[in-house]
Amino acid sequence: RFAEFDWVPIRYLNKSFTRRSLAGFFRVSKVGLVTPLRDGMNLVAK
């Protein structure tokens, strides 16, 4: 619906990354979106 030839809205990755890689990804992200329907704690938010 929205993509352009030089931009894809959603990058959906069905794979794992190391803690180091995720820490870097979090660092450059303007928004962290953590929206479970029900969760015990959700350490990703922290």
All heavy atoms as atom14 arrays in JSON, in Angstrom:
{
  "sequence": "RFAEFDWVPIRYLNKSFTRRSLAGFFRVSKVGLVTPLRDGMNLVAK",
  "atom14_mask": [
    [1, 1, 1, 1, 1, 1, 1, 1, 1, 1, 1, 0, 0, 0],
    [1, 1, 1, 1, 1, 1, 1, 1, 1, 1, 1, 0, 0, 0],
    [1, 1, 1, 1, 1, 0, 0, 0, 0, 0, 0, 0, 0, 0],
    [1, 1, 1, 1, 1, 1, 1, 1, 1, 0, 0, 0, 0, 0],
    [1, 1, 1, 1, 1, 1, 1, 1, 1, 1, 1, 0, 0, 0],
    [1, 1, 1, 1, 1, 1, 1, 1, 0, 0, 0, 0, 0, 0],
    [1, 1, 1, 1, 1, 1, 1, 1, 1, 1, 1, 1, 1, 1],
    [1, 1, 1, 1, 1, 1, 1, 0, 0, 0, 0, 0, 0, 0],
    [1, 1, 1, 1, 1, 1, 1, 0, 0, 0, 0, 0, 0, 0],
    [1, 1, 1, 1, 1, 1, 1, 1, 0, 0, 0, 0, 0, 0],
    [1, 1, 1, 1, 1, 1, 1, 1, 1, 1, 1, 0, 0, 0],
    [1, 1, 1, 1, 1, 1, 1, 1, 1, 1, 1, 1, 0, 0],
    [1, 1, 1, 1, 1, 1, 1, 1, 0, 0, 0, 0, 0, 0],
    [1, 1, 1, 1, 1, 1, 1, 1, 0, 0, 0, 0, 0, 0],
    [1, 1, 1, 1, 1, 1, 1, 1, 1, 0, 0, 0, 0, 0],
    [1, 1, 1, 1, 1, 1, 0, 0, 0, 0, 0, 0, 0, 0],
    [1, 1, 1, 1, 1, 1, 1, 1, 1, 1, 1, 0, 0, 0],
    [1, 1, 1, 1, 1, 1, 1, 0, 0, 0, 0, 0, 0, 0],
    [1, 1, 1, 1, 1, 1, 1, 1, 1, 1, 1, 0, 0, 0],
    [1, 1, 1, 1, 1, 1, 1, 1, 1, 1, 1, 0, 0, 0],
    [1, 1, 1, 1, 1, 1, 0, 0, 0, 0, 0, 0, 0, 0],
    [1, 1, 1, 1, 1, 1, 1, 1, 0, 0, 0, 0, 0, 0],
    [1, 1, 1, 1, 1, 0, 0, 0, 0, 0, 0, 0, 0, 0],
    [1, 1, 1, 1, 0, 0, 0, 0, 0, 0, 0, 0, 0, 0],
    [1, 1, 1, 1, 1, 1, 1, 1, 1, 1, 1, 0, 0, 0],
    [1, 1, 1, 1, 1, 1, 1, 1, 1, 1, 1, 0, 0, 0],
    [1, 1, 1, 1, 1, 1, 1, 1, 1, 1, 1, 0, 0, 0],
    [1, 1, 1, 1, 1, 1, 1, 0, 0, 0, 0, 0, 0, 0],
    [1, 1, 1, 1, 1, 1, 0, 0, 0, 0, 0, 0, 0, 0],
    [1, 1, 1, 1, 1, 1, 1, 1, 1, 0, 0, 0, 0, 0],
    [1, 1, 1, 1, 1, 1, 1, 0, 0, 0, 0, 0, 0, 0],
    [1, 1, 1, 1, 0, 0, 0, 0, 0, 0, 0, 0, 0, 0],
    [1, 1, 1, 1, 1, 1, 1, 1, 0, 0, 0, 0, 0, 0],
    [1, 1, 1, 1, 1, 1, 1, 0, 0, 0, 0, 0, 0, 0],
    [1, 1, 1, 1, 1, 1, 1, 0, 0, 0, 0, 0, 0, 0],
    [1, 1, 1, 1, 1, 1, 1, 0, 0, 0, 0, 0, 0, 0],
    [1, 1, 1, 1, 1, 1, 1, 1, 0, 0, 0, 0, 0, 0],
    [1, 1, 1, 1, 1, 1, 1, 1, 1, 1, 1, 0, 0, 0],
    [1, 1, 1, 1, 1, 1, 1, 1, 0, 0, 0, 0, 0, 0],
    [1, 1, 1, 1, 0, 0, 0, 0, 0, 0, 0, 0, 0, 0],
    [1, 1, 1, 1, 1, 1, 1, 1, 0, 0, 0, 0, 0, 0],
    [1, 1, 1, 1, 1, 1, 1, 1, 0, 0, 0, 0, 0, 0],
    [1, 1, 1, 1, 1, 1, 1, 1, 0, 0, 0, 0, 0, 0],
    [1, 1, 1, 1, 1, 1, 1, 0, 0, 0, 0, 0, 0, 0],
    [1, 1, 1, 1, 1, 0, 0, 0, 0, 0, 0, 0, 0, 0],
    [1, 1, 1, 1, 1, 1, 1, 1, 1, 0, 0, 0, 0, 0]
  ],
  "atom14_positions": [
    [[0.82, -1.21, 0.0], [0.0, 0.0, 0.0], [0.85, 1.26, 0.0], [0.52, 2.25, -0.68], [-0.9, -0.03, 1.24], [-1.59, 1.28, 1.62], [-2.79, 1.59, 0.75], [-3.48, 2.76, 1.24], [-3.14, 4.03, 0.97], [-2.1, 4.28, 0.19], [-3.83, 5.03, 1.46], [0.0, 0.0, 0.0], [0.0, 0.0, 0.0], [0.0, 0.0, 0.0]],
    [[1.97, 1.28, 0.75], [2.68, 2.53, 0.98], [4.09, 2.59, 0.4], [4.66, 3.69, 0.28], [2.78, 2.81, 2.49], [1.46, 3.06, 3.15], [0.88, 2.1, 3.98], [0.77, 4.24, 2.94], [-0.34, 2.34, 4.61], [-0.45, 4.49, 3.56], [-1.01, 3.54, 4.38], [0.0, 0.0, 0.0], [0.0, 0.0, 0.0], [0.0, 0.0, 0.0]],
    [[4.73, 1.46, 0.11], [6.15, 1.47, -0.26], [6.42, 2.29, -1.53], [5.57, 2.4, -2.41], [6.64, 0.04, -0.46], [0.0, 0.0, 0.0], [0.0, 0.0, 0.0], [0.0, 0.0, 0.0], [0.0, 0.0, 0.0], [0.0, 0.0, 0.0], [0.0, 0.0, 0.0], [0.0, 0.0, 0.0], [0.0, 0.0, 0.0], [0.0, 0.0, 0.0]],
    [[7.62, 2.85, -1.55], [8.12, 3.53, -2.75], [9.37, 2.77, -3.22], [9.87, 1.88, -2.53], [8.48, 4.98, -2.42], [7.3, 5.84, -1.99], [6.34, 6.16, -3.13], [6.72, 5.9, -4.3], [5.24, 6.65, -2.85], [0.0, 0.0, 0.0], [0.0, 0.0, 0.0], [0.0, 0.0, 0.0], [0.0, 0.0, 0.0], [0.0, 0.0, 0.0]],
    [[9.87, 3.15, -4.4], [11.01, 2.42, -4.93], [12.25, 2.54, -4.05], [13.15, 1.7, -4.12], [11.32, 2.89, -6.36], [11.79, 4.32, -6.46], [13.13, 4.64, -6.34], [10.87, 5.34, -6.67], [13.56, 5.95, -6.42], [11.3, 6.66, -6.74], [12.64, 6.98, -6.62], [0.0, 0.0, 0.0], [0.0, 0.0, 0.0], [0.0, 0.0, 0.0]],
    [[12.29, 3.55, -3.18], [13.45, 3.74, -2.31], [13.11, 3.68, -0.83], [13.89, 4.11, 0.01], [14.14, 5.07, -2.63], [13.22, 6.27, -2.38], [12.01, 6.07, -2.2], [13.74, 7.41, -2.35], [0.0, 0.0, 0.0], [0.0, 0.0, 0.0], [0.0, 0.0, 0.0], [0.0, 0.0, 0.0], [0.0, 0.0, 0.0], [0.0, 0.0, 0.0]],
    [[11.93, 3.16, -0.51], [11.52, 3.11, 0.91], [10.51, 1.99, 1.12], [9.52, 1.9, 0.39], [10.9, 4.45, 1.33], [10.23, 4.42, 2.69], [10.83, 4.29, 3.9], [8.82, 4.53, 2.96], [9.91, 4.31, 4.91], [8.65, 4.47, 4.36], [7.69, 4.69, 2.15], [7.39, 4.53, 4.98], [6.45, 4.76, 2.75], [6.3, 4.69, 4.16]],
    [[10.79, 1.14, 2.12], [9.86, 0.08, 2.53], [9.4, 0.38, 3.95], [10.23, 0.48, 4.85], [10.52, -1.31, 2.47], [9.56, -2.39, 2.94], [11.0, -1.61, 1.05], [0.0, 0.0, 0.0], [0.0, 0.0, 0.0], [0.0, 0.0, 0.0], [0.0, 0.0, 0.0], [0.0, 0.0, 0.0], [0.0, 0.0, 0.0], [0.0, 0.0, 0.0]],
    [[8.09, 0.55, 4.19], [7.62, 0.95, 5.52], [7.97, -0.04, 6.63], [8.46, 0.34, 7.68], [6.1, 1.06, 5.35], [5.86, 1.19, 3.89], [6.99, 0.48, 3.21], [0.0, 0.0, 0.0], [0.0, 0.0, 0.0], [0.0, 0.0, 0.0], [0.0, 0.0, 0.0], [0.0, 0.0, 0.0], [0.0, 0.0, 0.0], [0.0, 0.0, 0.0]],
    [[7.69, -1.34, 6.39], [7.92, -2.36, 7.43], [9.06, -3.28, 7.03], [9.07, -3.84, 5.92], [6.64, -3.2, 7.68], [5.55, -2.34, 8.33], [6.96, -4.39, 8.59], [4.31, -3.11, 8.71], [0.0, 0.0, 0.0], [0.0, 0.0, 0.0], [0.0, 0.0, 0.0], [0.0, 0.0, 0.0], [0.0, 0.0, 0.0], [0.0, 0.0, 0.0]],
    [[9.99, -3.44, 7.94], [11.03, -4.46, 7.79], [10.73, -5.53, 8.84], [10.95, -5.32, 10.04], [12.41, -3.87, 8.03], [12.72, -2.65, 7.18], [14.11, -2.11, 7.49], [14.39, -0.87, 6.8], [15.59, -0.3, 6.74], [16.62, -0.88, 7.37], [15.78, 0.82, 6.09], [0.0, 0.0, 0.0], [0.0, 0.0, 0.0], [0.0, 0.0, 0.0]],
    [[10.19, -6.64, 8.39], [9.75, -7.7, 9.29], [10.75, -8.84, 9.2], [10.87, -9.5, 8.17], [8.35, -8.15, 8.88], [7.86, -9.4, 9.58], [7.98, -9.56, 10.96], [7.25, -10.43, 8.86], [7.53, -10.69, 11.6], [6.79, -11.58, 9.48], [6.93, -11.7, 10.84], [6.49, -12.85, 11.47], [0.0, 0.0, 0.0], [0.0, 0.0, 0.0]],
    [[11.48, -9.09, 10.3], [12.55, -10.08, 10.33], [12.2, -11.2, 11.28], [12.1, -10.99, 12.5], [13.87, -9.43, 10.74], [14.34, -8.23, 9.89], [15.69, -7.74, 10.4], [14.42, -8.6, 8.43], [0.0, 0.0, 0.0], [0.0, 0.0, 0.0], [0.0, 0.0, 0.0], [0.0, 0.0, 0.0], [0.0, 0.0, 0.0], [0.0, 0.0, 0.0]],
    [[12.02, -12.39, 10.77], [11.64, -13.56, 11.56], [12.9, -14.34, 11.94], [13.07, -15.49, 11.58], [10.67, -14.41, 10.76], [9.88, -15.38, 11.6], [9.58, -16.48, 11.17], [9.51, -14.99, 12.81], [0.0, 0.0, 0.0], [0.0, 0.0, 0.0], [0.0, 0.0, 0.0], [0.0, 0.0, 0.0], [0.0, 0.0, 0.0], [0.0, 0.0, 0.0]],
    [[13.81, -13.66, 12.67], [15.1, -14.26, 13.01], [15.63, -13.64, 14.29], [15.12, -12.61, 14.75], [16.11, -14.05, 11.87], [16.35, -12.59, 11.55], [17.19, -12.39, 10.28], [18.6, -12.84, 10.47], [19.45, -12.49, 9.3], [0.0, 0.0, 0.0], [0.0, 0.0, 0.0], [0.0, 0.0, 0.0], [0.0, 0.0, 0.0], [0.0, 0.0, 0.0]],
    [[16.67, -14.24, 14.85], [17.26, -13.78, 16.1], [18.52, -12.96, 15.85], [19.18, -13.12, 14.81], [17.62, -14.97, 17.0], [16.48, -15.74, 17.32], [0.0, 0.0, 0.0], [0.0, 0.0, 0.0], [0.0, 0.0, 0.0], [0.0, 0.0, 0.0], [0.0, 0.0, 0.0], [0.0, 0.0, 0.0], [0.0, 0.0, 0.0], [0.0, 0.0, 0.0]],
    [[18.85, -12.09, 16.82], [20.08, -11.32, 16.8], [20.73, -11.4, 18.17], [20.07, -11.66, 19.17], [19.8, -9.85, 16.45], [19.37, -9.64, 15.02], [18.03, -9.75, 14.67], [20.3, -9.34, 14.04], [17.63, -9.57, 13.35], [19.9, -9.14, 12.72], [18.57, -9.26, 12.38], [0.0, 0.0, 0.0], [0.0, 0.0, 0.0], [0.0, 0.0, 0.0]],
    [[22.04, -11.15, 18.22], [22.75, -11.16, 19.5], [22.33, -9.95, 20.34], [21.8, -8.96, 19.82], [24.27, -11.1, 19.28], [24.6, -9.85, 18.66], [24.73, -12.26, 18.4], [0.0, 0.0, 0.0], [0.0, 0.0, 0.0], [0.0, 0.0, 0.0], [0.0, 0.0, 0.0], [0.0, 0.0, 0.0], [0.0, 0.0, 0.0], [0.0, 0.0, 0.0]],
    [[22.62, -10.02, 21.62], [22.33, -8.88, 22.51], [23.08, -7.64, 22.04], [22.55, -6.53, 22.11], [22.74, -9.2, 23.95], [21.95, -10.32, 24.6], [22.19, -10.34, 26.1], [21.43, -9.29, 26.75], [21.84, -8.61, 27.82], [23.03, -8.84, 28.32], [21.08, -7.7, 28.37], [0.0, 0.0, 0.0], [0.0, 0.0, 0.0], [0.0, 0.0, 0.0]],
    [[24.31, -7.81, 21.62], [25.11, -6.68, 21.16], [24.45, -6.01, 19.96], [24.35, -4.77, 19.9], [26.52, -7.15, 20.82], [27.47, -6.02, 20.42], [28.85, -6.6, 20.08], [29.81, -5.57, 19.73], [30.53, -4.89, 20.59], [30.41, -5.14, 21.88], [31.39, -3.97, 20.19], [0.0, 0.0, 0.0], [0.0, 0.0, 0.0], [0.0, 0.0, 0.0]],
    [[24.02, -6.81, 19.0], [23.37, -6.24, 17.82], [22.09, -5.51, 18.2], [21.83, -4.39, 17.74], [23.06, -7.35, 16.8], [24.24, -7.91, 16.29], [0.0, 0.0, 0.0], [0.0, 0.0, 0.0], [0.0, 0.0, 0.0], [0.0, 0.0, 0.0], [0.0, 0.0, 0.0], [0.0, 0.0, 0.0], [0.0, 0.0, 0.0], [0.0, 0.0, 0.0]],
    [[21.27, -6.13, 19.06], [20.01, -5.49, 19.47], [20.27, -4.2, 20.23], [19.54, -3.21, 20.07], [19.18, -6.45, 20.31], [18.57, -7.63, 19.57], [17.88, -8.57, 20.55], [17.58, -7.16, 18.5], [0.0, 0.0, 0.0], [0.0, 0.0, 0.0], [0.0, 0.0, 0.0], [0.0, 0.0, 0.0], [0.0, 0.0, 0.0], [0.0, 0.0, 0.0]],
    [[21.32, -4.18, 21.05], [21.63, -2.95, 21.79], [21.93, -1.81, 20.83], [21.49, -0.67, 21.03], [22.82, -3.2, 22.72], [0.0, 0.0, 0.0], [0.0, 0.0, 0.0], [0.0, 0.0, 0.0], [0.0, 0.0, 0.0], [0.0, 0.0, 0.0], [0.0, 0.0, 0.0], [0.0, 0.0, 0.0], [0.0, 0.0, 0.0], [0.0, 0.0, 0.0]],
    [[22.66, -2.11, 19.76], [22.94, -1.09, 18.76], [21.7, -0.66, 18.01], [21.5, 0.53, 17.72], [0.0, 0.0, 0.0], [0.0, 0.0, 0.0], [0.0, 0.0, 0.0], [0.0, 0.0, 0.0], [0.0, 0.0, 0.0], [0.0, 0.0, 0.0], [0.0, 0.0, 0.0], [0.0, 0.0, 0.0], [0.0, 0.0, 0.0], [0.0, 0.0, 0.0]],
    [[20.82, -1.63, 17.68], [19.57, -1.3, 16.98], [18.69, -0.41, 17.85], [18.08, 0.55, 17.37], [18.82, -2.57, 16.62], [19.53, -3.46, 15.61], [19.05, -4.74, 15.36], [20.67, -3.04, 14.96], [19.69, -5.57, 14.45], [21.32, -3.86, 14.04], [20.83, -5.13, 13.79], [0.0, 0.0, 0.0], [0.0, 0.0, 0.0], [0.0, 0.0, 0.0]],
    [[18.6, -0.75, 19.15], [17.82, 0.09, 20.07], [18.38, 1.51, 20.1], [17.64, 2.49, 20.13], [17.84, -0.5, 21.48], [17.0, -1.74, 21.66], [17.39, -2.71, 22.57], [15.82, -1.92, 20.97], [16.62, -3.85, 22.77], [15.05, -3.05, 21.14], [15.44, -4.02, 22.05], [0.0, 0.0, 0.0], [0.0, 0.0, 0.0], [0.0, 0.0, 0.0]],
    [[19.7, 1.61, 20.11], [20.36, 2.9, 20.26], [19.99, 3.87, 19.14], [19.86, 5.07, 19.36], [21.87, 2.67, 20.28], [22.72, 3.92, 20.55], [22.83, 4.16, 22.03], [23.86, 5.14, 22.35], [24.31, 5.35, 23.57], [23.84, 4.65, 24.59], [25.23, 6.26, 23.8], [0.0, 0.0, 0.0], [0.0, 0.0, 0.0], [0.0, 0.0, 0.0]],
    [[19.82, 3.35, 17.92], [19.56, 4.24, 16.78], [18.06, 4.41, 16.5], [17.7, 5.11, 15.56], [20.27, 3.74, 15.51], [21.76, 3.66, 15.74], [19.72, 2.4, 15.05], [0.0, 0.0, 0.0], [0.0, 0.0, 0.0], [0.0, 0.0, 0.0], [0.0, 0.0, 0.0], [0.0, 0.0, 0.0], [0.0, 0.0, 0.0], [0.0, 0.0, 0.0]],
    [[17.21, 3.79, 17.32], [15.77, 3.84, 17.08], [15.14, 5.01, 17.82], [15.36, 5.19, 19.01], [15.1, 2.53, 17.52], [15.65, 1.45, 16.8], [0.0, 0.0, 0.0], [0.0, 0.0, 0.0], [0.0, 0.0, 0.0], [0.0, 0.0, 0.0], [0.0, 0.0, 0.0], [0.0, 0.0, 0.0], [0.0, 0.0, 0.0], [0.0, 0.0, 0.0]],
    [[14.34, 5.76, 17.12], [13.7, 6.92, 17.73], [12.54, 6.52, 18.63], [12.21, 7.24, 19.58], [13.2, 7.88, 16.65], [12.65, 9.18, 17.19], [13.0, 10.35, 16.32], [12.64, 11.67, 16.99], [12.77, 12.8, 16.05], [0.0, 0.0, 0.0], [0.0, 0.0, 0.0], [0.0, 0.0, 0.0], [0.0, 0.0, 0.0], [0.0, 0.0, 0.0]],
    [[11.93, 5.37, 18.35], [10.79, 4.9, 19.14], [10.95, 3.42, 19.41], [11.25, 2.64, 18.48], [9.45, 5.16, 18.42], [8.28, 4.66, 19.27], [9.28, 6.64, 18.09], [0.0, 0.0, 0.0], [0.0, 0.0, 0.0], [0.0, 0.0, 0.0], [0.0, 0.0, 0.0], [0.0, 0.0, 0.0], [0.0, 0.0, 0.0], [0.0, 0.0, 0.0]],
    [[10.75, 3.0, 20.66], [10.64, 1.59, 21.01], [9.16, 1.27, 21.18], [8.49, 1.9, 22.01], [0.0, 0.0, 0.0], [0.0, 0.0, 0.0], [0.0, 0.0, 0.0], [0.0, 0.0, 0.0], [0.0, 0.0, 0.0], [0.0, 0.0, 0.0], [0.0, 0.0, 0.0], [0.0, 0.0, 0.0], [0.0, 0.0, 0.0], [0.0, 0.0, 0.0]],
    [[8.65, 0.32, 20.42], [7.22, -0.01, 20.42], [7.03, -1.36, 21.08], [7.38, -2.4, 20.52], [6.69, 0.0, 18.99], [5.18, -0.14, 18.78], [4.4, 0.9, 19.57], [4.84, -0.07, 17.3], [0.0, 0.0, 0.0], [0.0, 0.0, 0.0], [0.0, 0.0, 0.0], [0.0, 0.0, 0.0], [0.0, 0.0, 0.0], [0.0, 0.0, 0.0]],
    [[6.49, -1.36, 22.3], [6.34, -2.57, 23.11], [4.88, -2.65, 23.54], [4.47, -2.02, 24.51], [7.28, -2.53, 24.34], [7.15, -3.82, 25.15], [8.72, -2.3, 23.92], [0.0, 0.0, 0.0], [0.0, 0.0, 0.0], [0.0, 0.0, 0.0], [0.0, 0.0, 0.0], [0.0, 0.0, 0.0], [0.0, 0.0, 0.0], [0.0, 0.0, 0.0]],
    [[4.08, -3.41, 22.8], [2.63, -3.35, 22.99], [1.99, -4.73, 23.13], [1.1, -5.1, 22.35], [1.97, -2.59, 21.82], [2.43, -3.16, 20.58], [2.32, -1.12, 21.86], [0.0, 0.0, 0.0], [0.0, 0.0, 0.0], [0.0, 0.0, 0.0], [0.0, 0.0, 0.0], [0.0, 0.0, 0.0], [0.0, 0.0, 0.0], [0.0, 0.0, 0.0]],
    [[2.41, -5.53, 24.11], [1.76, -6.83, 24.31], [0.31, -6.67, 24.75], [-0.06, -5.69, 25.39], [2.6, -7.47, 25.41], [3.16, -6.31, 26.17], [3.43, -5.26, 25.15], [0.0, 0.0, 0.0], [0.0, 0.0, 0.0], [0.0, 0.0, 0.0], [0.0, 0.0, 0.0], [0.0, 0.0, 0.0], [0.0, 0.0, 0.0], [0.0, 0.0, 0.0]],
    [[-0.48, -7.67, 24.43], [-1.86, -7.71, 24.9], [-1.91, -8.11, 26.37], [-2.86, -7.76, 27.09], [-2.67, -8.7, 24.06], [-2.69, -8.43, 22.56], [-3.53, -9.49, 21.85], [-3.2, -7.04, 22.25], [0.0, 0.0, 0.0], [0.0, 0.0, 0.0], [0.0, 0.0, 0.0], [0.0, 0.0, 0.0], [0.0, 0.0, 0.0], [0.0, 0.0, 0.0]],
    [[-0.91, -8.85, 26.82], [-0.76, -9.22, 28.23], [0.65, -9.77, 28.38], [1.08, -10.61, 27.59], [-1.8, -10.27, 28.65], [-1.75, -10.71, 30.09], [-2.17, -9.63, 31.06], [-3.51, -9.15, 30.87], [-4.15, -8.31, 31.69], [-3.52, -7.87, 32.77], [-5.37, -7.9, 31.43], [0.0, 0.0, 0.0], [0.0, 0.0, 0.0], [0.0, 0.0, 0.0]],
    [[1.39, -9.28, 29.35], [2.77, -9.73, 29.52], [3.14, -9.7, 30.99], [2.64, -8.85, 31.74], [3.73, -8.83, 28.73], [4.81, -9.61, 28.01], [5.03, -10.78, 28.37], [5.42, -9.06, 27.08], [0.0, 0.0, 0.0], [0.0, 0.0, 0.0], [0.0, 0.0, 0.0], [0.0, 0.0, 0.0], [0.0, 0.0, 0.0], [0.0, 0.0, 0.0]],
    [[4.05, -10.59, 31.38], [4.47, -10.63, 32.77], [5.23, -9.38, 33.15], [4.82, -8.62, 34.03], [0.0, 0.0, 0.0], [0.0, 0.0, 0.0], [0.0, 0.0, 0.0], [0.0, 0.0, 0.0], [0.0, 0.0, 0.0], [0.0, 0.0, 0.0], [0.0, 0.0, 0.0], [0.0, 0.0, 0.0], [0.0, 0.0, 0.0], [0.0, 0.0, 0.0]],
    [[6.37, -9.12, 32.5], [7.12, -7.89, 32.73], [7.42, -7.23, 31.41], [7.08, -6.09, 31.17], [8.43, -8.2, 33.47], [9.36, -6.99, 33.64], [8.6, -5.53, 34.39], [8.26, -6.12, 36.04], [0.0, 0.0, 0.0], [0.0, 0.0, 0.0], [0.0, 0.0, 0.0], [0.0, 0.0, 0.0], [0.0, 0.0, 0.0], [0.0, 0.0, 0.0]],
    [[8.05, -7.94, 30.52], [8.59, -7.48, 29.25], [9.89, -6.71, 29.48], [9.93, -5.48, 29.58], [7.6, -6.63, 28.45], [8.02, -6.56, 26.98], [9.08, -6.03, 26.68], [7.22, -7.11, 26.11], [0.0, 0.0, 0.0], [0.0, 0.0, 0.0], [0.0, 0.0, 0.0], [0.0, 0.0, 0.0], [0.0, 0.0, 0.0], [0.0, 0.0, 0.0]],
    [[10.99, -7.48, 29.55], [12.3, -6.89, 29.77], [12.78, -6.09, 28.57], [13.65, -5.22, 28.72], [13.3, -7.98, 30.13], [13.06, -8.66, 31.47], [14.11, -9.75, 31.71], [13.08, -7.66, 32.61], [0.0, 0.0, 0.0], [0.0, 0.0, 0.0], [0.0, 0.0, 0.0], [0.0, 0.0, 0.0], [0.0, 0.0, 0.0], [0.0, 0.0, 0.0]],
    [[12.24, -6.36, 27.38], [12.64, -5.58, 26.2], [12.36, -4.1, 26.42], [13.14, -3.24, 26.0], [11.93, -6.1, 24.94], [12.1, -5.14, 23.77], [12.48, -7.47, 24.56], [0.0, 0.0, 0.0], [0.0, 0.0, 0.0], [0.0, 0.0, 0.0], [0.0, 0.0, 0.0], [0.0, 0.0, 0.0], [0.0, 0.0, 0.0], [0.0, 0.0, 0.0]],
    [[11.26, -3.78, 27.09], [10.95, -2.38, 27.37], [12.06, -1.73, 28.18], [12.49, -0.6, 27.91], [9.61, -2.27, 28.11], [0.0, 0.0, 0.0], [0.0, 0.0, 0.0], [0.0, 0.0, 0.0], [0.0, 0.0, 0.0], [0.0, 0.0, 0.0], [0.0, 0.0, 0.0], [0.0, 0.0, 0.0], [0.0, 0.0, 0.0], [0.0, 0.0, 0.0]],
    [[12.54, -2.45, 29.19], [13.61, -1.91, 30.03], [14.93, -1.85, 29.26], [15.72, -0.91, 29.42], [13.75, -2.75, 31.3], [12.5, -2.7, 32.18], [12.71, -3.4, 33.51], [11.5, -3.2, 34.43], [11.71, -3.76, 35.78], [0.0, 0.0, 0.0], [0.0, 0.0, 0.0], [0.0, 0.0, 0.0], [0.0, 0.0, 0.0], [0.0, 0.0, 0.0]]
  ]
}
